[in-house]
C-alpha cells in the first residue's frame, strides 16, 4: 500500500534547523529531490509527507520507477511489496 511506503520514507527523513523564514527543513535522502520546510517540526513533517505523495504520483504518471524504502518496494503503480 502506498501509505506504508510513505510512512517508511518518513522514517528515513532527516531534519535540521536552517536560517530561513521556515526554519525546519526535512528531506528523504533515498528520494532524490524530496524535501520540505515548515515553521515547526510537525508542520515540516506534514509538508514532507505531502511532498512524498506528490513525488510518487508524478513518478508513476511518468512511468518512472520508485526506489525501495527499506523493505517497501512498489513494483507497479498501486502495487507495494514488503520483502
PDB file of N, CA and C in Angstrom:
ATOM      1  N   UNK A   1       0.841  -1.186   0.000  1.00  0.00           N
ATOM      2  CA  UNK A   1       0.000   0.000   0.000  1.00  0.00           C
ATOM      3  C   UNK A   1       0.885   1.248   0.000  1.00  0.00           C
ATOM      4  N   UNK A   2       0.446   2.267  -0.696  1.00  0.00           N
ATOM      5  CA  UNK A   2       1.238   3.487  -0.799  1.00  0.00           C
ATOM      6  C   UNK A   2       1.479   4.161   0.541  1.00  0.00           C
ATOM      7  N   UNK A   3       0.509   4.118   1.418  1.00  0.00           N
ATOM      8  CA  UNK A   3       0.673   4.790   2.715  1.00  0.00           C
ATOM      9  C   UNK A   3       1.811   4.160   3.505  1.00  0.00           C
ATOM     10  N   UNK A   4       1.999   2.846   3.366  1.00  0.00           N
ATOM     11  CA  UNK A   4       3.110   2.183   4.050  1.00  0.00           C
ATOM     12  C   UNK A   4       4.447   2.658   3.480  1.00  0.00           C
ATOM     13  N   UNK A   5       4.501   2.844   2.178  1.00  0.00           N
ATOM     14  CA  UNK A   5       5.705   3.352   1.528  1.00  0.00           C
ATOM     15  C   UNK A   5       6.005   4.768   2.025  1.00  0.00           C
ATOM     16  N   UNK A   6       4.981   5.607   2.094  1.00  0.00           N
ATOM     17  CA  UNK A   6       5.154   6.984   2.571  1.00  0.00           C
ATOM     18  C   UNK A   6       5.630   6.991   4.015  1.00  0.00           C
ATOM     19  N   UNK A   7       5.037   6.173   4.864  1.00  0.00           N
ATOM     20  CA  UNK A   7       5.453   6.128   6.268  1.00  0.00           C
ATOM     21  C   UNK A   7       6.886   5.620   6.402  1.00  0.00           C
ATOM     22  N   UNK A   8       7.257   4.642   5.584  1.00  0.00           N
ATOM     23  CA  UNK A   8       8.629   4.142   5.607  1.00  0.00           C
ATOM     24  C   UNK A   8       9.597   5.244   5.179  1.00  0.00           C
ATOM     25  N   UNK A   9       9.213   6.040   4.176  1.00  0.00           N
ATOM     26  CA  UNK A   9      10.049   7.153   3.727  1.00  0.00           C
ATOM     27  C   UNK A   9      10.196   8.194   4.837  1.00  0.00           C
ATOM     28  N   UNK A  10       9.103   8.481   5.544  1.00  0.00           N
ATOM     29  CA  UNK A  10       9.162   9.453   6.641  1.00  0.00           C
ATOM     30  C   UNK A  10      10.069   8.970   7.767  1.00  0.00           C
ATOM     31  N   UNK A  11      10.136   7.670   7.965  1.00  0.00           N
ATOM     32  CA  UNK A  11      11.037   7.131   8.993  1.00  0.00           C
ATOM     33  C   UNK A  11      12.497   7.343   8.614  1.00  0.00           C
ATOM     34  N   UNK A  12      12.795   7.473   7.328  1.00  0.00           N
ATOM     35  CA  UNK A  12      14.158   7.707   6.844  1.00  0.00           C
ATOM     36  C   UNK A  12      14.502   9.193   6.761  1.00  0.00           C
ATOM     37  N   UNK A  13      13.514  10.068   7.004  1.00  0.00           N
ATOM     38  CA  UNK A  13      13.707  11.507   6.851  1.00  0.00           C
ATOM     39  C   UNK A  13      14.745  12.038   7.832  1.00  0.00           C
ATOM     40  N   UNK A  14      15.470  13.041   7.358  1.00  0.00           N
ATOM     41  CA  UNK A  14      16.455  13.765   8.161  1.00  0.00           C
ATOM     42  C   UNK A  14      15.961  15.200   8.291  1.00  0.00           C
ATOM     43  N   UNK A  15      16.040  15.737   9.509  1.00  0.00           N
ATOM     44  CA  UNK A  15      15.560  17.092   9.771  1.00  0.00           C
ATOM     45  C   UNK A  15      16.686  17.942  10.333  1.00  0.00           C
ATOM     46  N   UNK A  16      16.607  19.242  10.035  1.00  0.00           N
ATOM     47  CA  UNK A  16      17.557  20.179  10.609  1.00  0.00           C
ATOM     48  C   UNK A  16      16.912  21.555  10.689  1.00  0.00           C
ATOM     49  N   UNK A  17      17.519  22.414  11.466  1.00  0.00           N
ATOM     50  CA  UNK A  17      17.059  23.804  11.575  1.00  0.00           C
ATOM     51  C   UNK A  17      17.980  24.646  10.713  1.00  0.00           C
ATOM     52  N   UNK A  18      17.376  25.458   9.847  1.00  0.00           N
ATOM     53  CA  UNK A  18      18.134  26.302   8.928  1.00  0.00           C
ATOM     54  C   UNK A  18      17.795  27.767   9.174  1.00  0.00           C
ATOM     55  N   UNK A  19      18.589  28.651   8.649  1.00  0.00           N
ATOM     56  CA  UNK A  19      18.364  30.087   8.768  1.00  0.00           C
ATOM     57  C   UNK A  19      17.437  30.512   7.630  1.00  0.00           C
ATOM     58  N   UNK A  20      16.120  30.477   7.898  1.00  0.00           N
ATOM     59  CA  UNK A  20      15.127  30.758   6.867  1.00  0.00           C
ATOM     60  C   UNK A  20      13.831  31.186   7.551  1.00  0.00           C
ATOM     61  N   UNK A  21      12.890  31.733   6.781  1.00  0.00           N
ATOM     62  CA  UNK A  21      11.580  32.099   7.336  1.00  0.00           C
ATOM     63  C   UNK A  21      10.860  30.872   7.894  1.00  0.00           C
ATOM     64  N   UNK A  22      11.046  29.732   7.240  1.00  0.00           N
ATOM     65  CA  UNK A  22      10.529  28.454   7.745  1.00  0.00           C
ATOM     66  C   UNK A  22      11.763  27.646   8.160  1.00  0.00           C
ATOM     67  N   UNK A  23      12.113  27.708   9.448  1.00  0.00           N
ATOM     68  CA  UNK A  23      13.414  27.203   9.878  1.00  0.00           C
ATOM     69  C   UNK A  23      13.575  25.682   9.941  1.00  0.00           C
ATOM     70  N   UNK A  24      12.499  24.949   9.853  1.00  0.00           N
ATOM     71  CA  UNK A  24      12.624  23.493   9.910  1.00  0.00           C
ATOM     72  C   UNK A  24      12.680  22.935   8.494  1.00  0.00           C
ATOM     73  N   UNK A  25      13.712  22.163   8.237  1.00  0.00           N
ATOM     74  CA  UNK A  25      13.963  21.582   6.921  1.00  0.00           C
ATOM     75  C   UNK A  25      14.017  20.070   7.069  1.00  0.00           C
ATOM     76  N   UNK A  26      13.351  19.369   6.155  1.00  0.00           N
ATOM     77  CA  UNK A  26      13.389  17.912   6.164  1.00  0.00           C
ATOM     78  C   UNK A  26      13.550  17.370   4.767  1.00  0.00           C
ATOM     79  N   UNK A  27      14.258  16.244   4.667  1.00  0.00           N
ATOM     80  CA  UNK A  27      14.438  15.591   3.376  1.00  0.00           C
ATOM     81  C   UNK A  27      14.514  14.092   3.584  1.00  0.00           C
ATOM     82  N   UNK A  28      14.264  13.375   2.492  1.00  0.00           N
ATOM     83  CA  UNK A  28      14.405  11.928   2.487  1.00  0.00           C
ATOM     84  C   UNK A  28      15.552  11.632   1.521  1.00  0.00           C
ATOM     85  N   UNK A  29      16.742  11.324   2.040  1.00  0.00           N
ATOM     86  CA  UNK A  29      17.903  11.126   1.167  1.00  0.00           C
ATOM     87  C   UNK A  29      17.697  10.056   0.090  1.00  0.00           C
ATOM     88  N   UNK A  30      16.907   9.041   0.374  1.00  0.00           N
ATOM     89  CA  UNK A  30      16.672   7.967  -0.598  1.00  0.00           C
ATOM     90  C   UNK A  30      15.782   8.394  -1.755  1.00  0.00           C
ATOM     91  N   UNK A  31      15.078   9.514  -1.609  1.00  0.00           N
ATOM     92  CA  UNK A  31      14.168  10.001  -2.649  1.00  0.00           C
ATOM     93  C   UNK A  31      14.714  11.316  -3.198  1.00  0.00           C
ATOM     94  N   UNK A  32      15.374  11.236  -4.328  1.00  0.00           N
ATOM     95  CA  UNK A  32      16.055  12.381  -4.921  1.00  0.00           C
ATOM     96  C   UNK A  32      15.111  13.566  -5.121  1.00  0.00           C
ATOM     97  N   UNK A  33      15.469  14.697  -4.536  1.00  0.00           N
ATOM     98  CA  UNK A  33      14.698  15.924  -4.717  1.00  0.00           C
ATOM     99  C   UNK A  33      13.517  16.084  -3.786  1.00  0.00           C
ATOM    100  N   UNK A  34      13.341  15.179  -2.832  1.00  0.00           N
ATOM    101  CA  UNK A  34      12.199  15.263  -1.908  1.00  0.00           C
ATOM    102  C   UNK A  34      12.631  15.988  -0.639  1.00  0.00           C
ATOM    103  N   UNK A  35      12.098  17.195  -0.459  1.00  0.00           N
ATOM    104  CA  UNK A  35      12.384  17.981   0.732  1.00  0.00           C
ATOM    105  C   UNK A  35      11.214  18.915   1.010  1.00  0.00           C
ATOM    106  N   UNK A  36      11.177  19.445   2.229  1.00  0.00           N
ATOM    107  CA  UNK A  36      10.120  20.386   2.610  1.00  0.00           C
ATOM    108  C   UNK A  36      10.621  21.222   3.780  1.00  0.00           C
ATOM    109  N   UNK A  37       9.916  22.316   4.028  1.00  0.00           N
ATOM    110  CA  UNK A  37      10.210  23.183   5.168  1.00  0.00           C
ATOM    111  C   UNK A  37       8.935  23.435   5.949  1.00  0.00           C
ATOM    112  N   UNK A  38       9.077  24.044   7.112  1.00  0.00           N
ATOM    113  CA  UNK A  38       7.916  24.395   7.913  1.00  0.00           C
ATOM    114  C   UNK A  38       8.304  25.300   9.061  1.00  0.00           C
ATOM    115  N   UNK A  39       7.307  25.935   9.658  1.00  0.00           N
ATOM    116  CA  UNK A  39       7.547  26.799  10.815  1.00  0.00           C
ATOM    117  C   UNK A  39       7.795  25.998  12.084  1.00  0.00           C
ATOM    118  N   UNK A  40       7.291  24.776  12.127  1.00  0.00           N
ATOM    119  CA  UNK A  40       7.512  23.879  13.254  1.00  0.00           C
ATOM    120  C   UNK A  40       7.955  22.529  12.693  1.00  0.00           C
ATOM    121  N   UNK A  41       8.483  21.688  13.552  1.00  0.00           N
ATOM    122  CA  UNK A  41       8.884  20.363  13.101  1.00  0.00           C
ATOM    123  C   UNK A  41       7.676  19.583  12.600  1.00  0.00           C
ATOM    124  N   UNK A  42       6.558  19.703  13.303  1.00  0.00           N
ATOM    125  CA  UNK A  42       5.343  18.980  12.884  1.00  0.00           C
ATOM    126  C   UNK A  42       4.849  19.478  11.527  1.00  0.00           C
ATOM    127  N   UNK A  43       4.881  20.790  11.306  1.00  0.00           N
ATOM    128  CA  UNK A  43       4.475  21.338  10.005  1.00  0.00           C
ATOM    129  C   UNK A  43       5.421  20.862   8.898  1.00  0.00           C
ATOM    130  N   UNK A  44       6.698  20.835   9.198  1.00  0.00           N
ATOM    131  CA  UNK A  44       7.672  20.349   8.223  1.00  0.00           C
ATOM    132  C   UNK A  44       7.402  18.889   7.884  1.00  0.00           C
ATOM    133  N   UNK A  45       7.127  18.083   8.888  1.00  0.00           N
ATOM    134  CA  UNK A  45       6.836  16.664   8.662  1.00  0.00           C
ATOM    135  C   UNK A  45       5.584  16.501   7.804  1.00  0.00           C
ATOM    136  N   UNK A  46       4.538  17.289   8.097  1.00  0.00           N
ATOM    137  CA  UNK A  46       3.302  17.235   7.310  1.00  0.00           C
ATOM    138  C   UNK A  46       3.576  17.647   5.860  1.00  0.00           C
ATOM    139  N   UNK A  47       4.333  18.715   5.674  1.00  0.00           N
ATOM    140  CA  UNK A  47       4.672  19.174   4.331  1.00  0.00           C
ATOM    141  C   UNK A  47       5.515  18.136   3.585  1.00  0.00           C
ATOM    142  N   UNK A  48       6.416  17.476   4.316  1.00  0.00           N
ATOM    143  CA  UNK A  48       7.248  16.446   3.704  1.00  0.00           C
ATOM    144  C   UNK A  48       6.400  15.256   3.271  1.00  0.00           C
ATOM    145  N   UNK A  49       5.424  14.895   4.081  1.00  0.00           N
ATOM    146  CA  UNK A  49       4.520  13.797   3.715  1.00  0.00           C
ATOM    147  C   UNK A  49       3.756  14.130   2.433  1.00  0.00           C
ATOM    148  N   UNK A  50       3.267  15.348   2.314  1.00  0.00           N
ATOM    149  CA  UNK A  50       2.559  15.777   1.104  1.00  0.00           C
ATOM    150  C   UNK A  50       3.495  15.781  -0.104  1.00  0.00           C
ATOM    151  N   UNK A  51       4.734  16.208   0.109  1.00  0.00           N
ATOM    152  CA  UNK A  51       5.713  16.228  -0.971  1.00  0.00           C
ATOM    153  C   UNK A  51       6.014  14.819  -1.465  1.00  0.00           C
ATOM    154  N   UNK A  52       6.162  13.881  -0.528  1.00  0.00           N
ATOM    155  CA  UNK A  52       6.409  12.487  -0.903  1.00  0.00           C
ATOM    156  C   UNK A  52       5.245  11.961  -1.733  1.00  0.00           C
ATOM    157  N   UNK A  53       4.029  12.233  -1.288  1.00  0.00           N
ATOM    158  CA  UNK A  53       2.835  11.785  -2.004  1.00  0.00           C
ATOM    159  C   UNK A  53       2.824  12.335  -3.437  1.00  0.00           C
ATOM    160  N   UNK A  54       3.064  13.629  -3.590  1.00  0.00           N
ATOM    161  CA  UNK A  54       3.081  14.249  -4.918  1.00  0.00           C
ATOM    162  C   UNK A  54       4.222  13.701  -5.771  1.00  0.00           C
ATOM    163  N   UNK A  55       5.376  13.442  -5.154  1.00  0.00           N
ATOM    164  CA  UNK A  55       6.533  12.889  -5.861  1.00  0.00           C
ATOM    165  C   UNK A  55       6.203  11.504  -6.410  1.00  0.00           C
ATOM    166  N   UNK A  56       5.525  10.684  -5.599  1.00  0.00           N
ATOM    167  CA  UNK A  56       5.125   9.340  -6.043  1.00  0.00           C
ATOM    168  C   UNK A  56       4.172   9.428  -7.223  1.00  0.00           C
ATOM    169  N   UNK A  57       3.150  10.265  -7.112  1.00  0.00           N
ATOM    170  CA  UNK A  57       2.162  10.413  -8.188  1.00  0.00           C
ATOM    171  C   UNK A  57       2.849  10.873  -9.475  1.00  0.00           C
ATOM    172  N   UNK A  58       3.713  11.856  -9.366  1.00  0.00           N
ATOM    173  CA  UNK A  58       4.430  12.364 -10.540  1.00  0.00           C
ATOM    174  C   UNK A  58       5.239  11.257 -11.213  1.00  0.00           C
ATOM    175  N   UNK A  59       6.018  10.529 -10.426  1.00  0.00           N
ATOM    176  CA  UNK A  59       6.872   9.479 -10.992  1.00  0.00           C
ATOM    177  C   UNK A  59       6.050   8.368 -11.629  1.00  0.00           C
ATOM    178  N   UNK A  60       4.972   7.963 -10.978  1.00  0.00           N
ATOM    179  CA  UNK A  60       4.150   6.897 -11.533  1.00  0.00           C
ATOM    180  C   UNK A  60       3.469   7.337 -12.827  1.00  0.00           C
ATOM    181  N   UNK A  61       2.999   8.581 -12.880  1.00  0.00           N
ATOM    182  CA  UNK A  61       2.375   9.090 -14.111  1.00  0.00           C
ATOM    183  C   UNK A  61       3.365   9.162 -15.258  1.00  0.00           C
ATOM    184  N   UNK A  62       4.624   9.398 -14.939  1.00  0.00           N
ATOM    185  CA  UNK A  62       5.666   9.476 -15.968  1.00  0.00           C
ATOM    186  C   UNK A  62       6.251   8.101 -16.288  1.00  0.00           C
ATOM    187  N   UNK A  63       5.780   7.064 -15.613  1.00  0.00           N
ATOM    188  CA  UNK A  63       6.282   5.718 -15.856  1.00  0.00           C
ATOM    189  C   UNK A  63       7.660   5.467 -15.266  1.00  0.00           C
ATOM    190  N   UNK A  64       8.042   6.287 -14.291  1.00  0.00           N
ATOM    191  CA  UNK A  64       9.346   6.148 -13.649  1.00  0.00           C
ATOM    192  C   UNK A  64       9.251   5.200 -12.460  1.00  0.00           C
ATOM    193  N   UNK A  65      10.344   4.540 -12.168  1.00  0.00           N
ATOM    194  CA  UNK A  65      10.365   3.622 -11.033  1.00  0.00           C
ATOM    195  C   UNK A  65      10.525   4.389  -9.723  1.00  0.00           C
ATOM    196  N   UNK A  66      10.176   3.728  -8.655  1.00  0.00           N
ATOM    197  CA  UNK A  66      10.366   4.274  -7.314  1.00  0.00           C
ATOM    198  C   UNK A  66      11.416   3.435  -6.601  1.00  0.00           C
ATOM    199  N   UNK A  67      12.341   4.090  -5.927  1.00  0.00           N
ATOM    200  CA  UNK A  67      13.363   3.327  -5.225  1.00  0.00           C
ATOM    201  C   UNK A  67      12.764   2.612  -4.012  1.00  0.00           C
ATOM    202  N   UNK A  68      13.326   1.469  -3.649  1.00  0.00           N
ATOM    203  CA  UNK A  68      12.844   0.805  -2.435  1.00  0.00           C
ATOM    204  C   UNK A  68      13.163   1.655  -1.209  1.00  0.00           C
ATOM    205  N   UNK A  69      12.274   1.598  -0.248  1.00  0.00           N
ATOM    206  CA  UNK A  69      12.497   2.245   1.045  1.00  0.00           C
ATOM    207  C   UNK A  69      12.474   1.121   2.080  1.00  0.00           C
ATOM    208  N   UNK A  70      13.634   0.764   2.567  1.00  0.00           N
ATOM    209  CA  UNK A  70      13.706  -0.378   3.472  1.00  0.00           C
ATOM    210  C   UNK A  70      13.179  -1.611   2.773  1.00  0.00           C
ATOM    211  N   UNK A  71      12.192  -2.249   3.379  1.00  0.00           N
ATOM    212  CA  UNK A  71      11.583  -3.446   2.804  1.00  0.00           C
ATOM    213  C   UNK A  71      10.404  -3.125   1.895  1.00  0.00           C
ATOM    214  N   UNK A  72      10.096  -1.851   1.707  1.00  0.00           N
ATOM    215  CA  UNK A  72       8.931  -1.442   0.925  1.00  0.00           C
ATOM    216  C   UNK A  72       9.338  -1.149  -0.514  1.00  0.00           C
ATOM    217  N   UNK A  73       8.729  -1.895  -1.432  1.00  0.00           N
ATOM    218  CA  UNK A  73       9.036  -1.761  -2.851  1.00  0.00           C
ATOM    219  C   UNK A  73       7.727  -1.638  -3.624  1.00  0.00           C
ATOM    220  N   UNK A  74       7.629  -0.631  -4.467  1.00  0.00           N
ATOM    221  CA  UNK A  74       6.477  -0.501  -5.345  1.00  0.00           C
ATOM    222  C   UNK A  74       6.915  -1.021  -6.701  1.00  0.00           C
ATOM    223  N   UNK A  75       6.364  -2.168  -7.090  1.00  0.00           N
ATOM    224  CA  UNK A  75       6.762  -2.817  -8.334  1.00  0.00           C
ATOM    225  C   UNK A  75       6.062  -2.210  -9.529  1.00  0.00           C
ATOM    226  N   UNK A  76       4.774  -1.922  -9.395  1.00  0.00           N
ATOM    227  CA  UNK A  76       3.970  -1.318 -10.453  1.00  0.00           C
ATOM    228  C   UNK A  76       3.067  -0.293  -9.786  1.00  0.00           C
ATOM    229  N   UNK A  77       2.504   0.612 -10.576  1.00  0.00           N
ATOM    230  CA  UNK A  77       1.574   1.571  -9.967  1.00  0.00           C
ATOM    231  C   UNK A  77       0.515   0.857  -9.137  1.00  0.00           C
ATOM    232  N   UNK A  78       0.424   1.257  -7.870  1.00  0.00           N
ATOM    233  CA  UNK A  78      -0.580   0.699  -6.975  1.00  0.00           C
ATOM    234  C   UNK A  78      -0.191  -0.612  -6.314  1.00  0.00           C
ATOM    235  N   UNK A  79       0.985  -1.159  -6.625  1.00  0.00           N
ATOM    236  CA  UNK A  79       1.392  -2.433  -6.046  1.00  0.00           C
ATOM    237  C   UNK A  79       2.615  -2.234  -5.162  1.00  0.00           C
ATOM    238  N   UNK A  80       2.492  -2.583  -3.913  1.00  0.00           N
ATOM    239  CA  UNK A  80       3.594  -2.470  -2.975  1.00  0.00           C
ATOM    240  C   UNK A  80       3.924  -3.852  -2.464  1.00  0.00           C
ATOM    241  N   UNK A  81       5.202  -4.148  -2.456  1.00  0.00           N
ATOM    242  CA  UNK A  81       5.649  -5.432  -1.903  1.00  0.00           C
ATOM    243  C   UNK A  81       6.489  -5.138  -0.675  1.00  0.00           C
ATOM    244  N   UNK A  82       6.327  -5.958   0.343  1.00  0.00           N
ATOM    245  CA  UNK A  82       7.152  -5.860   1.536  1.00  0.00           C
ATOM    246  C   UNK A  82       8.002  -7.112   1.581  1.00  0.00           C
ATOM    247  N   UNK A  83       9.304  -6.915   1.440  1.00  0.00           N
ATOM    248  CA  UNK A  83      10.225  -8.053   1.394  1.00  0.00           C
ATOM    249  C   UNK A  83      10.446  -8.627   2.780  1.00  0.00           C
TER     250      UNK A  83
END
